Amino acid sequence: MENLSPLLIEYQGLLKLIRNIKAMALNGLWDDVVEQEIVYIQSIERISQINVPANIPSTVQLQFRQLLQDILDTESQVKELLQNRMQELAVLIQQSQNQKSINNTYAEFSDDILPGKPQP
């Protein structure tokens, strides 16, 4: 049987990474989240290149299963945080567009005479 240590180390590293990404998201460090998401994807690609033996003992399978479940659960939480952030940004964009529209409307009438303004 091939040595499973490299695979186990990669999965443990992936779990640590996604937990760090979650912590960054919870702290509003969105630029860092985006940067680390790239590292996360690269880690997944690295894992996919590791040869997995056909006959893995059931105790080791259980360990991998638990790691995978933790990774997937945390990733799901990160996706939810990202979705919430996207909704917040959508609201901010809409508010910005509304403000721009209001400013443009006021600018159209800026040359008009306002009540109480002395006329030439």
PDB file of N, CA and C in Angstrom:
ATOM      1  N   MET A   1       0.848  -1.187   0.000  1.00  0.00           N
ATOM      2  CA  MET A   1       0.000   0.000   0.000  1.00  0.00           C
ATOM      3  C   MET A   1       0.887   1.242   0.000  1.00  0.00           C
ATOM      4  N   GLU A   2       0.482   2.199  -0.802  1.00  0.00           N
ATOM      5  CA  GLU A   2       1.230   3.446  -0.874  1.00  0.00           C
ATOM      6  C   GLU A   2       1.072   4.233   0.422  1.00  0.00           C
ATOM      7  N   ASN A   3       2.011   5.114   0.661  1.00  0.00           N
ATOM      8  CA  ASN A   3       1.973   5.956   1.851  1.00  0.00           C
ATOM      9  C   ASN A   3       0.885   7.021   1.689  1.00  0.00           C
ATOM     10  N   LEU A   4       0.011   7.120   2.661  1.00  0.00           N
ATOM     11  CA  LEU A   4      -1.097   8.079   2.613  1.00  0.00           C
ATOM     12  C   LEU A   4      -0.754   9.419   3.259  1.00  0.00           C
ATOM     13  N   SER A   5       0.445   9.530   3.822  1.00  0.00           N
ATOM     14  CA  SER A   5       0.817  10.762   4.527  1.00  0.00           C
ATOM     15  C   SER A   5       0.710  12.017   3.667  1.00  0.00           C
ATOM     16  N   PRO A   6       1.229  12.009   2.428  1.00  0.00           N
ATOM     17  CA  PRO A   6       1.101  13.244   1.632  1.00  0.00           C
ATOM     18  C   PRO A   6      -0.356  13.657   1.418  1.00  0.00           C
ATOM     19  N   LEU A   7      -1.213  12.689   1.172  1.00  0.00           N
ATOM     20  CA  LEU A   7      -2.626  12.985   0.965  1.00  0.00           C
ATOM     21  C   LEU A   7      -3.262  13.516   2.248  1.00  0.00           C
ATOM     22  N   LEU A   8      -2.961  12.873   3.350  1.00  0.00           N
ATOM     23  CA  LEU A   8      -3.500  13.305   4.641  1.00  0.00           C
ATOM     24  C   LEU A   8      -3.032  14.720   4.977  1.00  0.00           C
ATOM     25  N   ILE A   9      -1.762  14.988   4.736  1.00  0.00           N
ATOM     26  CA  ILE A   9      -1.205  16.320   5.012  1.00  0.00           C
ATOM     27  C   ILE A   9      -1.893  17.378   4.143  1.00  0.00           C
ATOM     28  N   GLU A  10      -2.123  17.048   2.877  1.00  0.00           N
ATOM     29  CA  GLU A  10      -2.804  17.992   1.979  1.00  0.00           C
ATOM     30  C   GLU A  10      -4.232  18.271   2.446  1.00  0.00           C
ATOM     31  N   TYR A  11      -4.949  17.231   2.844  1.00  0.00           N
ATOM     32  CA  TYR A  11      -6.324  17.426   3.313  1.00  0.00           C
ATOM     33  C   TYR A  11      -6.355  18.241   4.603  1.00  0.00           C
ATOM     34  N   GLN A  12      -5.426  17.973   5.504  1.00  0.00           N
ATOM     35  CA  GLN A  12      -5.363  18.746   6.743  1.00  0.00           C
ATOM     36  C   GLN A  12      -5.034  20.210   6.446  1.00  0.00           C
ATOM     37  N   GLY A  13      -4.125  20.426   5.497  1.00  0.00           N
ATOM     38  CA  GLY A  13      -3.787  21.788   5.091  1.00  0.00           C
ATOM     39  C   GLY A  13      -4.973  22.498   4.455  1.00  0.00           C
ATOM     40  N   LEU A  14      -5.743  21.747   3.667  1.00  0.00           N
ATOM     41  CA  LEU A  14      -6.930  22.309   3.027  1.00  0.00           C
ATOM     42  C   LEU A  14      -7.965  22.723   4.072  1.00  0.00           C
ATOM     43  N   LEU A  15      -8.144  21.885   5.084  1.00  0.00           N
ATOM     44  CA  LEU A  15      -9.083  22.216   6.160  1.00  0.00           C
ATOM     45  C   LEU A  15      -8.630  23.470   6.903  1.00  0.00           C
ATOM     46  N   LYS A  16      -7.340  23.540   7.200  1.00  0.00           N
ATOM     47  CA  LYS A  16      -6.806  24.717   7.892  1.00  0.00           C
ATOM     48  C   LYS A  16      -7.009  25.972   7.038  1.00  0.00           C
ATOM     49  N   LEU A  17      -6.764  25.846   5.747  1.00  0.00           N
ATOM     50  CA  LEU A  17      -6.906  26.980   4.840  1.00  0.00           C
ATOM     51  C   LEU A  17      -8.351  27.466   4.766  1.00  0.00           C
ATOM     52  N   ILE A  18      -9.301  26.564   4.617  1.00  0.00           N
ATOM     53  CA  ILE A  18     -10.703  26.986   4.498  1.00  0.00           C
ATOM     54  C   ILE A  18     -11.203  27.568   5.823  1.00  0.00           C
ATOM     55  N   ARG A  19     -10.678  27.075   6.934  1.00  0.00           N
ATOM     56  CA  ARG A  19     -11.041  27.672   8.231  1.00  0.00           C
ATOM     57  C   ARG A  19     -10.494  29.093   8.343  1.00  0.00           C
ATOM     58  N   ASN A  20      -9.277  29.300   7.842  1.00  0.00           N
ATOM     59  CA  ASN A  20      -8.700  30.649   7.843  1.00  0.00           C
ATOM     60  C   ASN A  20      -9.500  31.586   6.943  1.00  0.00           C
ATOM     61  N   ILE A  21      -9.926  31.063   5.798  1.00  0.00           N
ATOM     62  CA  ILE A  21     -10.744  31.863   4.881  1.00  0.00           C
ATOM     63  C   ILE A  21     -12.051  32.257   5.564  1.00  0.00           C
ATOM     64  N   LYS A  22     -12.643  31.328   6.276  1.00  0.00           N
ATOM     65  CA  LYS A  22     -13.888  31.621   6.998  1.00  0.00           C
ATOM     66  C   LYS A  22     -13.656  32.720   8.038  1.00  0.00           C
ATOM     67  N   ALA A  23     -12.554  32.622   8.776  1.00  0.00           N
ATOM     68  CA  ALA A  23     -12.241  33.640   9.787  1.00  0.00           C
ATOM     69  C   ALA A  23     -12.054  35.010   9.129  1.00  0.00           C
ATOM     70  N   MET A  24     -11.379  35.035   7.983  1.00  0.00           N
ATOM     71  CA  MET A  24     -11.199  36.299   7.262  1.00  0.00           C
ATOM     72  C   MET A  24     -12.548  36.873   6.838  1.00  0.00           C
ATOM     73  N   ALA A  25     -13.417  36.016   6.341  1.00  0.00           N
ATOM     74  CA  ALA A  25     -14.745  36.471   5.907  1.00  0.00           C
ATOM     75  C   ALA A  25     -15.534  37.022   7.087  1.00  0.00           C
ATOM     76  N   LEU A  26     -15.468  36.342   8.207  1.00  0.00           N
ATOM     77  CA  LEU A  26     -16.184  36.806   9.396  1.00  0.00           C
ATOM     78  C   LEU A  26     -15.663  38.155   9.875  1.00  0.00           C
ATOM     79  N   ASN A  27     -14.374  38.421   9.607  1.00  0.00           N
ATOM     80  CA  ASN A  27     -13.764  39.686  10.013  1.00  0.00           C
ATOM     81  C   ASN A  27     -13.819  40.749   8.921  1.00  0.00           C
ATOM     82  N   GLY A  28     -14.495  40.432   7.821  1.00  0.00           N
ATOM     83  CA  GLY A  28     -14.664  41.413   6.757  1.00  0.00           C
ATOM     84  C   GLY A  28     -13.425  41.666   5.920  1.00  0.00           C
ATOM     85  N   LEU A  29     -12.495  40.734   5.921  1.00  0.00           N
ATOM     86  CA  LEU A  29     -11.261  40.890   5.149  1.00  0.00           C
ATOM     87  C   LEU A  29     -11.453  40.292   3.756  1.00  0.00           C
ATOM     88  N   TRP A  30     -12.305  40.927   2.965  1.00  0.00           N
ATOM     89  CA  TRP A  30     -12.749  40.343   1.697  1.00  0.00           C
ATOM     90  C   TRP A  30     -11.652  40.247   0.658  1.00  0.00           C
ATOM     91  N   ASP A  31     -10.732  41.196   0.622  1.00  0.00           N
ATOM     92  CA  ASP A  31      -9.614  41.100  -0.325  1.00  0.00           C
ATOM     93  C   ASP A  31      -8.762  39.877  -0.015  1.00  0.00           C
ATOM     94  N   ASP A  32      -8.529  39.647   1.273  1.00  0.00           N
ATOM     95  CA  ASP A  32      -7.757  38.471   1.689  1.00  0.00           C
ATOM     96  C   ASP A  32      -8.499  37.183   1.359  1.00  0.00           C
ATOM     97  N   VAL A  33      -9.812  37.211   1.517  1.00  0.00           N
ATOM     98  CA  VAL A  33     -10.627  36.029   1.187  1.00  0.00           C
ATOM     99  C   VAL A  33     -10.437  35.667  -0.279  1.00  0.00           C
ATOM    100  N   VAL A  34     -10.514  36.668  -1.141  1.00  0.00           N
ATOM    101  CA  VAL A  34     -10.372  36.417  -2.580  1.00  0.00           C
ATOM    102  C   VAL A  34      -8.990  35.856  -2.895  1.00  0.00           C
ATOM    103  N   GLU A  35      -7.960  36.430  -2.299  1.00  0.00           N
ATOM    104  CA  GLU A  35      -6.599  35.933  -2.526  1.00  0.00           C
ATOM    105  C   GLU A  35      -6.454  34.491  -2.065  1.00  0.00           C
ATOM    106  N   GLN A  36      -6.994  34.190  -0.898  1.00  0.00           N
ATOM    107  CA  GLN A  36      -6.853  32.843  -0.352  1.00  0.00           C
ATOM    108  C   GLN A  36      -7.728  31.826  -1.084  1.00  0.00           C
ATOM    109  N   GLU A  37      -8.803  32.279  -1.693  1.00  0.00           N
ATOM    110  CA  GLU A  37      -9.635  31.368  -2.495  1.00  0.00           C
ATOM    111  C   GLU A  37      -8.818  30.801  -3.650  1.00  0.00           C
ATOM    112  N   ILE A  38      -7.930  31.608  -4.217  1.00  0.00           N
ATOM    113  CA  ILE A  38      -7.060  31.136  -5.295  1.00  0.00           C
ATOM    114  C   ILE A  38      -6.123  30.060  -4.763  1.00  0.00           C
ATOM    115  N   VAL A  39      -5.549  30.291  -3.599  1.00  0.00           N
ATOM    116  CA  VAL A  39      -4.671  29.301  -2.970  1.00  0.00           C
ATOM    117  C   VAL A  39      -5.455  28.025  -2.674  1.00  0.00           C
ATOM    118  N   TYR A  40      -6.696  28.187  -2.240  1.00  0.00           N
ATOM    119  CA  TYR A  40      -7.568  27.050  -1.930  1.00  0.00           C
ATOM    120  C   TYR A  40      -7.796  26.187  -3.177  1.00  0.00           C
ATOM    121  N   ILE A  41      -8.089  26.831  -4.284  1.00  0.00           N
ATOM    122  CA  ILE A  41      -8.307  26.099  -5.537  1.00  0.00           C
ATOM    123  C   ILE A  41      -7.028  25.386  -5.970  1.00  0.00           C
ATOM    124  N   GLN A  42      -5.892  26.046  -5.807  1.00  0.00           N
ATOM    125  CA  GLN A  42      -4.615  25.417  -6.147  1.00  0.00           C
ATOM    126  C   GLN A  42      -4.357  24.200  -5.263  1.00  0.00           C
ATOM    127  N   SER A  43      -4.738  24.276  -4.008  1.00  0.00           N
ATOM    128  CA  SER A  43      -4.579  23.138  -3.094  1.00  0.00           C
ATOM    129  C   SER A  43      -5.443  21.965  -3.534  1.00  0.00           C
ATOM    130  N   ILE A  44      -6.652  22.263  -3.962  1.00  0.00           N
ATOM    131  CA  ILE A  44      -7.541  21.203  -4.450  1.00  0.00           C
ATOM    132  C   ILE A  44      -6.938  20.552  -5.695  1.00  0.00           C
ATOM    133  N   GLU A  45      -6.373  21.362  -6.573  1.00  0.00           N
ATOM    134  CA  GLU A  45      -5.727  20.822  -7.772  1.00  0.00           C
ATOM    135  C   GLU A  45      -4.548  19.928  -7.401  1.00  0.00           C
ATOM    136  N   ARG A  46      -3.770  20.336  -6.402  1.00  0.00           N
ATOM    137  CA  ARG A  46      -2.641  19.519  -5.939  1.00  0.00           C
ATOM    138  C   ARG A  46      -3.129  18.175  -5.416  1.00  0.00           C
ATOM    139  N   ILE A  47      -4.207  18.217  -4.640  1.00  0.00           N
ATOM    140  CA  ILE A  47      -4.759  16.984  -4.078  1.00  0.00           C
ATOM    141  C   ILE A  47      -5.223  16.054  -5.192  1.00  0.00           C
ATOM    142  N   SER A  48      -5.799  16.616  -6.222  1.00  0.00           N
ATOM    143  CA  SER A  48      -6.311  15.781  -7.314  1.00  0.00           C
ATOM    144  C   SER A  48      -5.193  15.075  -8.072  1.00  0.00           C
ATOM    145  N   GLN A  49      -3.969  15.548  -7.927  1.00  0.00           N
ATOM    146  CA  GLN A  49      -2.828  14.937  -8.611  1.00  0.00           C
ATOM    147  C   GLN A  49      -2.194  13.802  -7.810  1.00  0.00           C
ATOM    148  N   ILE A  50      -2.586  13.657  -6.561  1.00  0.00           N
ATOM    149  CA  ILE A  50      -2.003  12.617  -5.705  1.00  0.00           C
ATOM    150  C   ILE A  50      -2.690  11.290  -5.990  1.00  0.00           C
ATOM    151  N   ASN A  51      -1.874  10.263  -6.199  1.00  0.00           N
ATOM    152  CA  ASN A  51      -2.417   8.918  -6.426  1.00  0.00           C
ATOM    153  C   ASN A  51      -2.942   8.343  -5.121  1.00  0.00           C
ATOM    154  N   VAL A  52      -4.166   7.856  -5.175  1.00  0.00           N
ATOM    155  CA  VAL A  52      -4.799   7.269  -3.996  1.00  0.00           C
ATOM    156  C   VAL A  52      -4.843   5.758  -4.187  1.00  0.00           C
ATOM    157  N   PRO A  53      -4.307   5.008  -3.221  1.00  0.00           N
ATOM    158  CA  PRO A  53      -4.342   3.551  -3.337  1.00  0.00           C
ATOM    159  C   PRO A  53      -5.776   3.024  -3.295  1.00  0.00           C
ATOM    160  N   ALA A  54      -5.961   1.875  -3.902  1.00  0.00           N
ATOM    161  CA  ALA A  54      -7.300   1.287  -3.986  1.00  0.00           C
ATOM    162  C   ALA A  54      -7.791   0.766  -2.640  1.00  0.00           C
ATOM    163  N   ASN A  55      -6.916   0.156  -1.888  1.00  0.00           N
ATOM    164  CA  ASN A  55      -7.325  -0.473  -0.624  1.00  0.00           C
ATOM    165  C   ASN A  55      -6.842   0.348   0.563  1.00  0.00           C
ATOM    166  N   ILE A  56      -7.701   1.222   1.014  1.00  0.00           N
ATOM    167  CA  ILE A  56      -7.386   2.039   2.188  1.00  0.00           C
ATOM    168  C   ILE A  56      -8.103   1.419   3.378  1.00  0.00           C
ATOM    169  N   PRO A  57      -7.376   1.225   4.490  1.00  0.00           N
ATOM    170  CA  PRO A  57      -8.022   0.657   5.684  1.00  0.00           C
ATOM    171  C   PRO A  57      -9.227   1.502   6.111  1.00  0.00           C
ATOM    172  N   SER A  58     -10.219   0.847   6.657  1.00  0.00           N
ATOM    173  CA  SER A  58     -11.465   1.535   7.021  1.00  0.00           C
ATOM    174  C   SER A  58     -11.245   2.631   8.057  1.00  0.00           C
ATOM    175  N   THR A  59     -10.303   2.444   8.956  1.00  0.00           N
ATOM    176  CA  THR A  59     -10.035   3.492   9.952  1.00  0.00           C
ATOM    177  C   THR A  59      -9.482   4.749   9.283  1.00  0.00           C
ATOM    178  N   VAL A  60      -8.642   4.550   8.273  1.00  0.00           N
ATOM    179  CA  VAL A  60      -8.076   5.684   7.541  1.00  0.00           C
ATOM    180  C   VAL A  60      -9.162   6.321   6.672  1.00  0.00           C
ATOM    181  N   GLN A  61     -10.016   5.492   6.077  1.00  0.00           N
ATOM    182  CA  GLN A  61     -11.139   6.014   5.293  1.00  0.00           C
ATOM    183  C   GLN A  61     -12.022   6.901   6.159  1.00  0.00           C
ATOM    184  N   LEU A  62     -12.260   6.467   7.375  1.00  0.00           N
ATOM    185  CA  LEU A  62     -13.081   7.248   8.305  1.00  0.00           C
ATOM    186  C   LEU A  62     -12.425   8.596   8.603  1.00  0.00           C
ATOM    187  N   GLN A  63     -11.112   8.572   8.777  1.00  0.00           N
ATOM    188  CA  GLN A  63     -10.382   9.807   9.042  1.00  0.00           C
ATOM    189  C   GLN A  63     -10.498  10.768   7.847  1.00  0.00           C
ATOM    190  N   PHE A  64     -10.321  10.236   6.646  1.00  0.00           N
ATOM    191  CA  PHE A  64     -10.461  11.062   5.448  1.00  0.00           C
ATOM    192  C   PHE A  64     -11.894  11.561   5.288  1.00  0.00           C
ATOM    193  N   ARG A  65     -12.840  10.710   5.576  1.00  0.00           N
ATOM    194  CA  ARG A  65     -14.252  11.086   5.455  1.00  0.00           C
ATOM    195  C   ARG A  65     -14.572  12.256   6.384  1.00  0.00           C
ATOM    196  N   GLN A  66     -14.061  12.185   7.616  1.00  0.00           N
ATOM    197  CA  GLN A  66     -14.304  13.266   8.578  1.00  0.00           C
ATOM    198  C   GLN A  66     -13.640  14.570   8.123  1.00  0.00           C
ATOM    199  N   LEU A  67     -12.409  14.452   7.622  1.00  0.00           N
ATOM    200  CA  LEU A  67     -11.720  15.637   7.107  1.00  0.00           C
ATOM    201  C   LEU A  67     -12.501  16.266   5.951  1.00  0.00           C
ATOM    202  N   LEU A  68     -12.935  15.417   5.034  1.00  0.00           N
ATOM    203  CA  LEU A  68     -13.708  15.909   3.892  1.00  0.00           C
ATOM    204  C   LEU A  68     -15.005  16.575   4.336  1.00  0.00           C
ATOM    205  N   GLN A  69     -15.669  15.972   5.295  1.00  0.00           N
ATOM    206  CA  GLN A  69     -16.923  16.548   5.781  1.00  0.00           C
ATOM    207  C   GLN A  69     -16.681  17.908   6.423  1.00  0.00           C
ATOM    208  N   ASP A  70     -15.614  18.010   7.217  1.00  0.00           N
ATOM    209  CA  ASP A  70     -15.270  19.296   7.838  1.00  0.00           C
ATOM    210  C   ASP A  70     -14.943  20.348   6.776  1.00  0.00           C
ATOM    211  N   ILE A  71     -14.198  19.933   5.751  1.00  0.00           N
ATOM    212  CA  ILE A  71     -13.848  20.853   4.664  1.00  0.00           C
ATOM    213  C   ILE A  71     -15.112  21.335   3.959  1.00  0.00           C
ATOM    214  N   LEU A  72     -15.980  20.399   3.602  1.00  0.00           N
ATOM    215  CA  LEU A  72     -17.203  20.753   2.877  1.00  0.00           C
ATOM    216  C   LEU A  72     -18.142  21.617   3.714  1.00  0.00           C
ATOM    217  N   ASP A  73     -18.258  21.306   5.000  1.00  0.00           N
ATOM    218  CA  ASP A  73     -19.113  22.111   5.880  1.00  0.00           C
ATOM    219  C   ASP A  73     -18.598  23.546   5.982  1.00  0.00           C
ATOM    220  N   THR A  74     -17.290  23.672   6.172  1.00  0.00           N
ATOM    221  CA  THR A  74     -16.698  25.003   6.301  1.00  0.00           C
ATOM    222  C   THR A  74     -16.792  25.760   4.981  1.00  0.00           C
ATOM    223  N   GLU A  75     -16.569  25.054   3.879  1.00  0.00           N
ATOM    224  CA  GLU A  75     -16.693  25.688   2.562  1.00  0.00           C
ATOM    225  C   GLU A  75     -18.119  26.192   2.336  1.00  0.00           C
ATOM    226  N   SER A  76     -19.089  25.427   2.760  1.00  0.00           N
ATOM    227  CA  SER A  76     -20.487  25.841   2.637  1.00  0.00           C
ATOM    228  C   SER A  76     -20.749  27.112   3.445  1.00  0.00           C
ATOM    229  N   GLN A  77     -20.175  27.185   4.630  1.00  0.00           N
ATOM    230  CA  GLN A  77     -20.329  28.376   5.463  1.00  0.00           C
ATOM    231  C   GLN A  77     -19.674  29.590   4.804  1.00  0.00           C
ATOM    232  N   VAL A  78     -18.502  29.375   4.201  1.00  0.00           N
ATOM    233  CA  VAL A  78     -17.815  30.467   3.502  1.00  0.00           C
ATOM    234  C   VAL A  78     -18.655  30.941   2.321  1.00  0.00           C
ATOM    235  N   LYS A  79     -19.223  30.004   1.584  1.00  0.00           N
ATOM    236  CA  LYS A  79     -20.078  30.382   0.448  1.00  0.00           C
ATOM    237  C   LYS A  79     -21.274  31.204   0.914  1.00  0.00           C
ATOM    238  N   GLU A  80     -21.835  30.843   2.041  1.00  0.00           N
ATOM    239  CA  GLU A  80     -22.963  31.605   2.581  1.00  0.00           C
ATOM    240  C   GLU A  80     -22.525  33.021   2.961  1.00  0.00           C
ATOM    241  N   LEU A  81     -21.353  33.131   3.586  1.00  0.00           N
ATOM    242  CA  LEU A  81     -20.827  34.453   3.941  1.00  0.00           C
ATOM    243  C   LEU A  81     -20.563  35.287   2.684  1.00  0.00           C
ATOM    244  N   LEU A  82     -20.026  34.650   1.653  1.00  0.00           N
ATOM    245  CA  LEU A  82     -19.782  35.350   0.394  1.00  0.00           C
ATOM    246  C   LEU A  82     -21.089  35.803  -0.252  1.00  0.00           C
ATOM    247  N   GLN A  83     -22.093  34.962  -0.189  1.00  0.00           N
ATOM    248  CA  GLN A  83     -23.398  35.321  -0.753  1.00  0.00           C
ATOM    249  C   GLN A  83     -23.989  36.516  -0.005  1.00  0.00           C
ATOM    250  N   ASN A  84     -23.871  36.508   1.312  1.00  0.00           N
ATOM    251  CA  ASN A  84     -24.352  37.641   2.113  1.00  0.00           C
ATOM    252  C   ASN A  84     -23.610  38.919   1.735  1.00  0.00           C
ATOM    253  N   ARG A  85     -22.307  38.799   1.533  1.00  0.00           N
ATOM    254  CA  ARG A  85     -21.501  39.965   1.156  1.00  0.00           C
ATOM    255  C   ARG A  85     -21.922  40.489  -0.215  1.00  0.00           C
ATOM    256  N   MET A  86     -22.189  39.579  -1.133  1.00  0.00           N
ATOM    257  CA  MET A  86     -22.640  39.991  -2.465  1.00  0.00           C
ATOM    258  C   MET A  86     -23.963  40.739  -2.377  1.00  0.00           C
ATOM    259  N   GLN A  87     -24.847  40.307  -1.496  1.00  0.00           N
ATOM    260  CA  GLN A  87     -26.120  41.002  -1.313  1.00  0.00           C
ATOM    261  C   GLN A  87     -25.898  42.392  -0.726  1.00  0.00           C
ATOM    262  N   GLU A  88     -24.972  42.493   0.238  1.00  0.00           N
ATOM    263  CA  GLU A  88     -24.644  43.799   0.807  1.00  0.00           C
ATOM    264  C   GLU A  88     -24.108  44.734  -0.274  1.00  0.00           C
ATOM    265  N   LEU A  89     -23.216  44.211  -1.109  1.00  0.00           N
ATOM    266  CA  LEU A  89     -22.645  45.025  -2.181  1.00  0.00           C
ATOM    267  C   LEU A  89     -23.705  45.444  -3.187  1.00  0.00           C
ATOM    268  N   ALA A  90     -24.643  44.554  -3.469  1.00  0.00           N
ATOM    269  CA  ALA A  90     -25.730  44.893  -4.398  1.00  0.00           C
ATOM    270  C   ALA A  90     -26.551  46.055  -3.849  1.00  0.00           C
ATOM    271  N   VAL A  91     -26.816  46.054  -2.548  1.00  0.00           N
ATOM    272  CA  VAL A  91     -27.556  47.154  -1.919  1.00  0.00           C
ATOM    273  C   VAL A  91     -26.751  48.447  -2.017  1.00  0.00           C
ATOM    274  N   LEU A  92     -25.452  48.365  -1.739  1.00  0.00           N
ATOM    275  CA  LEU A  92     -24.607  49.560  -1.822  1.00  0.00           C
ATOM    276  C   LEU A  92     -24.538  50.103  -3.247  1.00  0.00           C
ATOM    277  N   ILE A  93     -24.454  49.217  -4.208  1.00  0.00           N
ATOM    278  CA  ILE A  93     -24.430  49.651  -5.610  1.00  0.00           C
ATOM    279  C   ILE A  93     -25.737  50.340  -5.972  1.00  0.00           C
ATOM    280  N   GLN A  94     -26.841  49.771  -5.540  1.00  0.00           N
ATOM    281  CA  GLN A  94     -28.150  50.374  -5.827  1.00  0.00           C
ATOM    282  C   GLN A  94     -28.266  51.747  -5.174  1.00  0.00           C
ATOM    283  N   GLN A  95     -27.803  51.855  -3.929  1.00  0.00           N
ATOM    284  CA  GLN A  95     -27.838  53.151  -3.248  1.00  0.00           C
ATOM    285  C   GLN A  95     -26.974  54.174  -3.983  1.00  0.00           C
ATOM    286  N   SER A  96     -25.821  53.736  -4.438  1.00  0.00           N
ATOM    287  CA  SER A  96     -24.919  54.621  -5.173  1.00  0.00           C
ATOM    288  C   SER A  96     -25.555  55.087  -6.479  1.00  0.00           C
ATOM    289  N   GLN A  97     -26.204  54.168  -7.176  1.00  0.00           N
ATOM    290  CA  GLN A  97     -26.883  54.533  -8.425  1.00  0.00           C
ATOM    291  C   GLN A  97     -28.033  55.501  -8.160  1.00  0.00           C
ATOM    292  N   ASN A  98     -28.767  55.266  -7.085  1.00  0.00           N
ATOM    293  CA  ASN A  98     -29.860  56.180  -6.722  1.00  0.00           C
ATOM    294  C   ASN A  98     -29.321  57.573  -6.412  1.00  0.00           C
ATOM    295  N   GLN A  99     -28.221  57.619  -5.657  1.00  0.00           N
ATOM    296  CA  GLN A  99     -27.621  58.907  -5.306  1.00  0.00           C
ATOM    297  C   GLN A  99     -27.125  59.627  -6.554  1.00  0.00           C
ATOM    298  N   LYS A 100     -26.531  58.891  -7.464  1.00  0.00           N
ATOM    299  CA  LYS A 100     -26.052  59.486  -8.714  1.00  0.00           C
ATOM    300  C   LYS A 100     -27.224  60.056  -9.510  1.00  0.00           C
ATOM    301  N   SER A 101     -28.316  59.329  -9.549  1.00  0.00           N
ATOM    302  CA  SER A 101     -29.509  59.800 -10.261  1.00  0.00           C
ATOM    303  C   SER A 101     -30.043  61.086  -9.635  1.00  0.00           C
ATOM    304  N   ILE A 102     -30.082  61.120  -8.322  1.00  0.00           N
ATOM    305  CA  ILE A 102     -30.542  62.324  -7.611  1.00  0.00           C
ATOM    306  C   ILE A 102     -29.613  63.495  -7.909  1.00  0.00           C
ATOM    307  N   ASN A 103     -28.312  63.249  -7.842  1.00  0.00           N
ATOM    308  CA  ASN A 103     -27.340  64.311  -8.123  1.00  0.00           C
ATOM    309  C   ASN A 103     -27.473  64.827  -9.550  1.00  0.00           C
ATOM    310  N   ASN A 104     -27.679  63.917 -10.487  1.00  0.00           N
ATOM    311  CA  ASN A 104     -27.856  64.335 -11.885  1.00  0.00           C
ATOM    312  C   ASN A 104     -29.119  65.173 -12.054  1.00  0.00           C
ATOM    313  N   THR A 105     -30.171  64.777 -11.369  1.00  0.00           N
ATOM    314  CA  THR A 105     -31.424  65.527 -11.446  1.00  0.00           C
ATOM    315  C   THR A 105     -31.247  66.923 -10.873  1.00  0.00           C
ATOM    316  N   TYR A 106     -30.595  67.035  -9.722  1.00  0.00           N
ATOM    317  CA  TYR A 106     -30.344  68.356  -9.145  1.00  0.00           C
ATOM    318  C   TYR A 106     -29.458  69.191 -10.061  1.00  0.00           C
ATOM    319  N   ALA A 107     -28.486  68.557 -10.691  1.00  0.00           N
ATOM    320  CA  ALA A 107     -27.576  69.285 -11.580  1.00  0.00           C
ATOM    321  C   ALA A 107     -28.325  69.873 -12.768  1.00  0.00           C
ATOM    322  N   GLU A 108     -29.356  69.191 -13.235  1.00  0.00           N
ATOM    323  CA  GLU A 108     -30.150  69.691 -14.358  1.00  0.00           C
ATOM    324  C   GLU A 108     -30.840  71.008 -14.009  1.00  0.00           C
ATOM    325  N   PHE A 109     -31.217  71.150 -12.750  1.00  0.00           N
ATOM    326  CA  PHE A 109     -31.967  72.328 -12.327  1.00  0.00           C
ATOM    327  C   PHE A 109     -31.109  73.347 -11.589  1.00  0.00           C
ATOM    328  N   SER A 110     -29.815  73.147 -11.558  1.00  0.00           N
ATOM    329  CA  SER A 110     -28.957  74.039 -10.780  1.00  0.00           C
ATOM    330  C   SER A 110     -28.940  75.462 -11.332  1.00  0.00           C
ATOM    331  N   ASP A 111     -29.191  75.606 -12.598  1.00  0.00           N
ATOM    332  CA  ASP A 111     -29.204  76.951 -13.182  1.00  0.00           C
ATOM    333  C   ASP A 111     -30.564  77.626 -13.057  1.00  0.00           C
ATOM    334  N   ASP A 112     -31.566  76.884 -12.645  1.00  0.00           N
ATOM    335  CA  ASP A 112     -32.895  77.465 -12.471  1.00  0.00           C
ATOM    336  C   ASP A 112     -32.898  78.375 -11.247  1.00  0.00           C
ATOM    337  N   ILE A 113     -33.840  79.283 -11.244  1.00  0.00           N
ATOM    338  CA  ILE A 113     -33.950  80.221 -10.131  1.00  0.00           C
ATOM    339  C   ILE A 113     -34.604  79.515  -8.955  1.00  0.00           C
ATOM    340  N   LEU A 114     -33.960  79.625  -7.818  1.00  0.00           N
ATOM    341  CA  LEU A 114     -34.513  79.049  -6.600  1.00  0.00           C
ATOM    342  C   LEU A 114     -35.345  80.104  -5.889  1.00  0.00           C
ATOM    343  N   PRO A 115     -36.376  79.696  -5.151  1.00  0.00           N
ATOM    344  CA  PRO A 115     -37.176  80.673  -4.404  1.00  0.00           C
ATOM    345  C   PRO A 115     -36.286  81.459  -3.443  1.00  0.00           C
ATOM    346  N   GLY A 116     -36.490  82.752  -3.408  1.00  0.00           N
ATOM    347  CA  GLY A 116     -35.726  83.604  -2.508  1.00  0.00           C
ATOM    348  C   GLY A 116     -34.385  84.026  -3.071  1.00  0.00           C
ATOM    349  N   LYS A 117     -34.042  83.534  -4.241  1.00  0.00           N
ATOM    350  CA  LYS A 117     -32.764  83.889  -4.853  1.00  0.00           C
ATOM    351  C   LYS A 117     -32.946  85.206  -5.607  1.00  0.00           C
ATOM    352  N   PRO A 118     -32.048  86.166  -5.383  1.00  0.00           N
ATOM    353  CA  PRO A 118     -32.179  87.443  -6.092  1.00  0.00           C
ATOM    354  C   PRO A 118     -32.073  87.233  -7.600  1.00  0.00           C
ATOM    355  N   GLN A 119     -32.942  87.899  -8.319  1.00  0.00           N
ATOM    356  CA  GLN A 119     -32.928  87.784  -9.771  1.00  0.00           C
ATOM    357  C   GLN A 119     -32.176  88.966 -10.356  1.00  0.00           C
ATOM    358  N   PRO A 120     -31.459  88.736 -11.441  1.00  0.00           N
ATOM    359  CA  PRO A 120     -30.685  89.840 -12.051  1.00  0.00           C
ATOM    360  C   PRO A 120     -31.567  90.848 -12.718  1.00  0.00           C
TER     361      PRO A 120
END
